[in-house]
């Protein structure tokens, strides 16, 4: 072994690979919102500037409305969720259905 080095000192890719998953640095590189405080807000603002898509998945709907998937399914079970459409086995929520759902939820207060 070279002087000044140790078995436990890892650099580069080896430092990111661990039996317990990626290190904090690797997670930060993969997810910019973890790297800098306030970055999640900047990511959300950037997404808000992007043109809206015509439809989104349940996962995308929940993320854009800051609700959990569990709450989404609770709302659907109580007939309070957005209208869904099924396209070749995928469940999608149209932009119009999402807008109608938001108006209904605002009136539910």
N, C-alpha and C. Protein backbone atom coordinates (compact mmCIF):
# COMPACT_ATOMS: atom_id res chain seq x y z
N UNK A 1 0.85 -1.19 0.00
CA UNK A 1 0.00 0.00 0.00
C UNK A 1 0.89 1.24 0.00
N UNK A 2 0.46 2.27 -0.70
CA UNK A 2 1.26 3.48 -0.81
C UNK A 2 1.20 4.27 0.50
N UNK A 3 2.28 5.01 0.79
CA UNK A 3 2.25 5.85 2.01
C UNK A 3 1.16 6.91 1.89
N UNK A 4 0.50 7.15 2.98
CA UNK A 4 -0.54 8.18 3.01
C UNK A 4 -1.90 7.71 2.52
N UNK A 5 -1.98 6.49 2.04
CA UNK A 5 -3.27 6.00 1.59
C UNK A 5 -3.75 4.95 2.57
N UNK A 6 -5.02 4.72 2.55
CA UNK A 6 -5.55 3.68 3.42
C UNK A 6 -6.58 2.88 2.65
N UNK A 7 -6.88 1.72 3.14
CA UNK A 7 -7.89 0.88 2.50
C UNK A 7 -9.25 1.54 2.52
N UNK A 8 -9.49 2.35 3.51
CA UNK A 8 -10.82 2.92 3.71
C UNK A 8 -11.03 4.22 2.94
N UNK A 9 -9.96 4.77 2.38
CA UNK A 9 -10.10 6.00 1.61
C UNK A 9 -10.50 5.63 0.20
N UNK A 10 -11.70 6.06 -0.22
CA UNK A 10 -12.19 5.76 -1.55
C UNK A 10 -12.47 7.06 -2.28
N UNK A 11 -12.19 7.05 -3.56
CA UNK A 11 -12.45 8.24 -4.36
C UNK A 11 -13.20 7.87 -5.61
N UNK A 12 -13.71 8.86 -6.30
CA UNK A 12 -14.38 8.65 -7.58
C UNK A 12 -15.61 7.78 -7.47
N UNK A 13 -15.78 6.91 -8.46
CA UNK A 13 -16.96 6.06 -8.53
C UNK A 13 -17.04 5.13 -7.33
N UNK A 14 -15.89 4.63 -6.87
CA UNK A 14 -15.90 3.72 -5.72
C UNK A 14 -16.47 4.40 -4.49
N UNK A 15 -16.28 5.71 -4.37
CA UNK A 15 -16.82 6.43 -3.21
C UNK A 15 -18.33 6.53 -3.29
N UNK A 16 -18.87 6.53 -4.51
CA UNK A 16 -20.32 6.64 -4.66
C UNK A 16 -21.01 5.30 -4.48
N UNK A 17 -20.29 4.21 -4.75
CA UNK A 17 -20.87 2.89 -4.63
C UNK A 17 -20.64 2.36 -3.23
N UNK A 18 -21.66 1.90 -2.62
CA UNK A 18 -21.58 1.40 -1.27
C UNK A 18 -22.64 0.32 -1.12
N UNK A 19 -22.44 -0.66 -0.25
CA UNK A 19 -23.47 -1.67 -0.06
C UNK A 19 -24.76 -1.08 0.50
N UNK A 20 -24.70 0.15 0.98
CA UNK A 20 -25.86 0.80 1.58
C UNK A 20 -26.48 1.82 0.65
N UNK A 21 -26.09 1.83 -0.63
CA UNK A 21 -26.64 2.78 -1.59
C UNK A 21 -25.66 3.90 -1.84
N UNK A 22 -26.06 4.89 -2.64
CA UNK A 22 -25.15 5.97 -2.99
C UNK A 22 -24.86 6.87 -1.80
N UNK A 23 -23.70 7.49 -1.84
CA UNK A 23 -23.33 8.42 -0.78
C UNK A 23 -24.12 9.71 -0.94
N UNK A 24 -24.02 10.59 0.03
CA UNK A 24 -24.75 11.86 -0.02
C UNK A 24 -24.37 12.65 -1.27
N UNK A 25 -23.07 12.66 -1.63
CA UNK A 25 -22.64 13.40 -2.82
C UNK A 25 -23.29 12.84 -4.07
N UNK A 26 -23.37 11.52 -4.18
CA UNK A 26 -23.99 10.92 -5.35
C UNK A 26 -25.48 11.23 -5.39
N UNK A 27 -26.14 11.21 -4.23
CA UNK A 27 -27.56 11.53 -4.20
C UNK A 27 -27.78 12.98 -4.59
N UNK A 28 -26.90 13.88 -4.15
CA UNK A 28 -27.03 15.30 -4.48
C UNK A 28 -26.85 15.52 -5.97
N UNK A 29 -25.91 14.78 -6.58
CA UNK A 29 -25.69 14.93 -8.01
C UNK A 29 -26.89 14.42 -8.80
N UNK A 30 -27.51 13.35 -8.32
CA UNK A 30 -28.65 12.79 -9.02
C UNK A 30 -29.91 13.61 -8.82
N UNK A 31 -30.01 14.30 -7.69
CA UNK A 31 -31.21 15.08 -7.37
C UNK A 31 -30.77 16.48 -6.96
N UNK A 32 -30.79 17.45 -7.89
CA UNK A 32 -30.28 18.78 -7.58
C UNK A 32 -30.97 19.46 -6.41
N UNK A 33 -32.21 19.10 -6.11
CA UNK A 33 -32.91 19.76 -5.02
C UNK A 33 -32.31 19.40 -3.67
N UNK A 34 -31.53 18.31 -3.58
CA UNK A 34 -30.87 17.94 -2.32
C UNK A 34 -29.55 18.67 -2.15
N UNK A 35 -28.99 19.15 -3.24
CA UNK A 35 -27.65 19.71 -3.19
C UNK A 35 -27.60 21.05 -2.46
N UNK A 36 -28.57 21.91 -2.69
CA UNK A 36 -28.55 23.27 -2.15
C UNK A 36 -29.90 23.58 -1.52
N UNK A 37 -29.91 24.11 -0.29
CA UNK A 37 -31.20 24.48 0.29
C UNK A 37 -31.91 25.49 -0.61
N UNK A 38 -33.20 25.31 -0.79
CA UNK A 38 -33.97 26.20 -1.64
C UNK A 38 -33.98 25.77 -3.09
N UNK A 39 -33.19 24.75 -3.44
CA UNK A 39 -33.14 24.30 -4.83
C UNK A 39 -34.45 23.66 -5.23
N UNK A 40 -35.15 23.02 -4.30
CA UNK A 40 -36.43 22.39 -4.63
C UNK A 40 -37.41 23.45 -5.11
N UNK A 41 -37.38 24.62 -4.50
CA UNK A 41 -38.26 25.71 -4.94
C UNK A 41 -37.90 26.15 -6.34
N UNK A 42 -36.60 26.24 -6.62
CA UNK A 42 -36.19 26.65 -7.97
C UNK A 42 -36.59 25.60 -9.00
N UNK A 43 -36.49 24.31 -8.65
CA UNK A 43 -36.91 23.25 -9.56
C UNK A 43 -38.40 23.36 -9.82
N UNK A 44 -39.19 23.60 -8.77
CA UNK A 44 -40.65 23.75 -8.93
C UNK A 44 -40.98 24.96 -9.79
N UNK A 45 -40.26 26.06 -9.60
CA UNK A 45 -40.51 27.25 -10.40
C UNK A 45 -40.17 27.00 -11.87
N UNK A 46 -39.10 26.25 -12.11
CA UNK A 46 -38.72 25.93 -13.49
C UNK A 46 -39.79 25.06 -14.14
N UNK A 47 -40.30 24.09 -13.41
CA UNK A 47 -41.36 23.23 -13.95
C UNK A 47 -42.62 24.05 -14.23
N UNK A 48 -42.90 25.05 -13.40
CA UNK A 48 -44.09 25.86 -13.59
C UNK A 48 -43.99 26.70 -14.87
N UNK A 49 -42.76 27.05 -15.27
CA UNK A 49 -42.57 27.84 -16.49
C UNK A 49 -42.71 26.99 -17.75
N UNK A 50 -42.58 25.66 -17.62
CA UNK A 50 -42.69 24.80 -18.78
C UNK A 50 -44.14 24.73 -19.24
N UNK A 51 -44.37 24.56 -20.53
CA UNK A 51 -45.76 24.49 -21.01
C UNK A 51 -46.45 23.26 -20.42
N UNK A 52 -47.71 23.39 -20.04
CA UNK A 52 -48.41 22.26 -19.45
C UNK A 52 -48.65 21.17 -20.49
N UNK A 53 -48.61 19.94 -20.04
CA UNK A 53 -48.91 18.85 -20.97
C UNK A 53 -50.42 18.63 -20.98
N UNK A 54 -50.89 17.93 -22.00
CA UNK A 54 -52.32 17.71 -22.14
C UNK A 54 -52.85 16.74 -21.08
N UNK A 55 -51.99 15.84 -20.60
CA UNK A 55 -52.40 14.88 -19.58
C UNK A 55 -51.18 14.47 -18.77
N UNK A 56 -51.43 13.97 -17.58
CA UNK A 56 -50.33 13.53 -16.73
C UNK A 56 -50.71 12.23 -16.03
N UNK A 57 -49.70 11.54 -15.54
CA UNK A 57 -49.92 10.31 -14.80
C UNK A 57 -50.36 10.65 -13.37
N UNK A 58 -50.77 9.64 -12.63
CA UNK A 58 -51.16 9.86 -11.23
C UNK A 58 -49.96 10.39 -10.45
N UNK A 59 -48.79 9.81 -10.69
CA UNK A 59 -47.58 10.25 -9.99
C UNK A 59 -47.29 11.72 -10.28
N UNK A 60 -47.38 12.13 -11.56
CA UNK A 60 -47.13 13.52 -11.93
C UNK A 60 -48.20 14.44 -11.35
N UNK A 61 -49.45 14.00 -11.36
CA UNK A 61 -50.54 14.79 -10.80
C UNK A 61 -50.30 15.04 -9.31
N UNK A 62 -49.95 13.98 -8.59
CA UNK A 62 -49.71 14.11 -7.14
C UNK A 62 -48.54 15.05 -6.86
N UNK A 63 -47.47 14.92 -7.63
CA UNK A 63 -46.31 15.79 -7.43
C UNK A 63 -46.65 17.24 -7.72
N UNK A 64 -47.39 17.49 -8.79
CA UNK A 64 -47.70 18.87 -9.15
C UNK A 64 -48.72 19.51 -8.22
N UNK A 65 -49.49 18.69 -7.49
CA UNK A 65 -50.48 19.24 -6.56
C UNK A 65 -50.07 19.05 -5.10
N UNK A 66 -48.85 18.58 -4.89
CA UNK A 66 -48.28 18.41 -3.54
C UNK A 66 -49.16 17.55 -2.64
N UNK A 67 -49.64 16.43 -3.19
CA UNK A 67 -50.38 15.48 -2.37
C UNK A 67 -49.74 14.11 -2.53
N UNK A 68 -49.93 13.26 -1.56
CA UNK A 68 -49.38 11.92 -1.64
C UNK A 68 -50.29 11.04 -2.49
N UNK A 69 -49.73 9.94 -2.96
CA UNK A 69 -50.54 9.00 -3.71
C UNK A 69 -51.62 8.40 -2.81
N UNK A 70 -51.29 8.21 -1.54
CA UNK A 70 -52.28 7.66 -0.60
C UNK A 70 -53.48 8.59 -0.51
N UNK A 71 -53.23 9.91 -0.39
CA UNK A 71 -54.33 10.86 -0.34
C UNK A 71 -55.11 10.86 -1.65
N UNK A 72 -54.40 10.74 -2.77
CA UNK A 72 -55.07 10.68 -4.07
C UNK A 72 -56.08 9.54 -4.09
N UNK A 73 -55.66 8.35 -3.66
CA UNK A 73 -56.56 7.19 -3.69
C UNK A 73 -57.69 7.32 -2.66
N UNK A 74 -57.41 7.96 -1.52
CA UNK A 74 -58.50 8.23 -0.55
C UNK A 74 -59.54 9.16 -1.18
N UNK A 75 -59.07 10.20 -1.86
CA UNK A 75 -60.00 11.12 -2.53
C UNK A 75 -60.79 10.40 -3.61
N UNK A 76 -60.14 9.53 -4.38
CA UNK A 76 -60.85 8.79 -5.42
C UNK A 76 -61.91 7.88 -4.80
N UNK A 77 -61.59 7.22 -3.68
CA UNK A 77 -62.56 6.35 -3.02
C UNK A 77 -63.76 7.11 -2.50
N UNK A 78 -63.57 8.38 -2.15
CA UNK A 78 -64.67 9.22 -1.66
C UNK A 78 -65.32 10.03 -2.78
N UNK A 79 -65.01 9.70 -4.03
CA UNK A 79 -65.51 10.42 -5.20
C UNK A 79 -65.16 11.90 -5.18
N UNK A 80 -63.98 12.22 -4.64
CA UNK A 80 -63.52 13.60 -4.59
C UNK A 80 -62.28 13.84 -5.45
N UNK A 81 -61.82 12.79 -6.12
CA UNK A 81 -60.62 12.90 -6.95
C UNK A 81 -60.94 13.41 -8.34
N UNK A 82 -59.91 13.67 -9.14
CA UNK A 82 -60.13 14.14 -10.51
C UNK A 82 -60.63 13.00 -11.40
N UNK A 83 -61.26 13.37 -12.51
CA UNK A 83 -61.67 12.37 -13.49
C UNK A 83 -60.43 11.74 -14.09
N UNK A 84 -60.49 10.46 -14.34
CA UNK A 84 -59.38 9.73 -14.92
C UNK A 84 -59.76 9.24 -16.30
N UNK A 85 -58.75 9.07 -17.14
CA UNK A 85 -58.98 8.41 -18.42
C UNK A 85 -57.95 7.29 -18.55
N UNK A 86 -58.35 6.24 -19.21
CA UNK A 86 -57.46 5.11 -19.38
C UNK A 86 -57.08 5.03 -20.85
N UNK A 87 -55.78 5.03 -21.09
CA UNK A 87 -55.26 4.98 -22.44
C UNK A 87 -54.25 3.83 -22.52
N UNK A 88 -54.65 2.76 -23.21
CA UNK A 88 -53.79 1.59 -23.39
C UNK A 88 -53.20 1.10 -22.08
N UNK A 89 -54.03 1.00 -21.07
CA UNK A 89 -53.60 0.48 -19.78
C UNK A 89 -53.02 1.52 -18.82
N UNK A 90 -52.81 2.72 -19.28
CA UNK A 90 -52.29 3.79 -18.40
C UNK A 90 -53.45 4.63 -17.89
N UNK A 91 -53.34 5.06 -16.65
CA UNK A 91 -54.33 5.98 -16.09
C UNK A 91 -53.75 7.38 -16.20
N UNK A 92 -54.47 8.26 -16.88
CA UNK A 92 -54.03 9.64 -17.08
C UNK A 92 -55.10 10.60 -16.60
N UNK A 93 -54.66 11.79 -16.24
CA UNK A 93 -55.57 12.86 -15.82
C UNK A 93 -55.34 14.02 -16.78
N UNK A 94 -56.39 14.42 -17.47
CA UNK A 94 -56.25 15.52 -18.44
C UNK A 94 -56.06 16.84 -17.70
N UNK A 95 -55.51 17.81 -18.42
CA UNK A 95 -55.33 19.15 -17.84
C UNK A 95 -56.68 19.74 -17.45
N UNK A 96 -57.70 19.47 -18.27
CA UNK A 96 -59.05 19.99 -17.98
C UNK A 96 -59.60 19.35 -16.71
N UNK A 97 -59.41 18.04 -16.55
CA UNK A 97 -59.90 17.36 -15.35
C UNK A 97 -59.18 17.86 -14.11
N UNK A 98 -57.89 18.12 -14.24
CA UNK A 98 -57.12 18.65 -13.10
C UNK A 98 -57.62 20.05 -12.72
N UNK A 99 -57.91 20.89 -13.74
CA UNK A 99 -58.41 22.24 -13.47
C UNK A 99 -59.79 22.19 -12.81
N UNK A 100 -60.66 21.30 -13.29
CA UNK A 100 -61.97 21.15 -12.68
C UNK A 100 -61.84 20.66 -11.24
N UNK A 101 -60.93 19.73 -11.00
CA UNK A 101 -60.72 19.21 -9.64
C UNK A 101 -60.26 20.32 -8.72
N UNK A 102 -59.32 21.16 -9.19
CA UNK A 102 -58.84 22.28 -8.36
C UNK A 102 -59.99 23.23 -8.02
N UNK A 103 -60.84 23.54 -8.98
CA UNK A 103 -61.98 24.41 -8.70
C UNK A 103 -62.92 23.78 -7.66
N UNK A 104 -63.18 22.48 -7.79
CA UNK A 104 -64.03 21.79 -6.81
C UNK A 104 -63.40 21.82 -5.42
N UNK A 105 -62.10 21.61 -5.34
CA UNK A 105 -61.40 21.59 -4.05
C UNK A 105 -61.38 22.99 -3.43
N UNK A 106 -61.24 24.02 -4.25
CA UNK A 106 -61.27 25.38 -3.72
C UNK A 106 -62.63 25.71 -3.14
N UNK A 107 -63.69 25.21 -3.75
CA UNK A 107 -65.05 25.45 -3.28
C UNK A 107 -65.41 24.60 -2.08
N UNK A 108 -64.62 23.55 -1.81
CA UNK A 108 -64.91 22.64 -0.70
C UNK A 108 -64.51 23.21 0.64
N UNK A 109 -63.81 24.31 0.65
CA UNK A 109 -63.36 24.90 1.92
C UNK A 109 -64.51 25.40 2.66
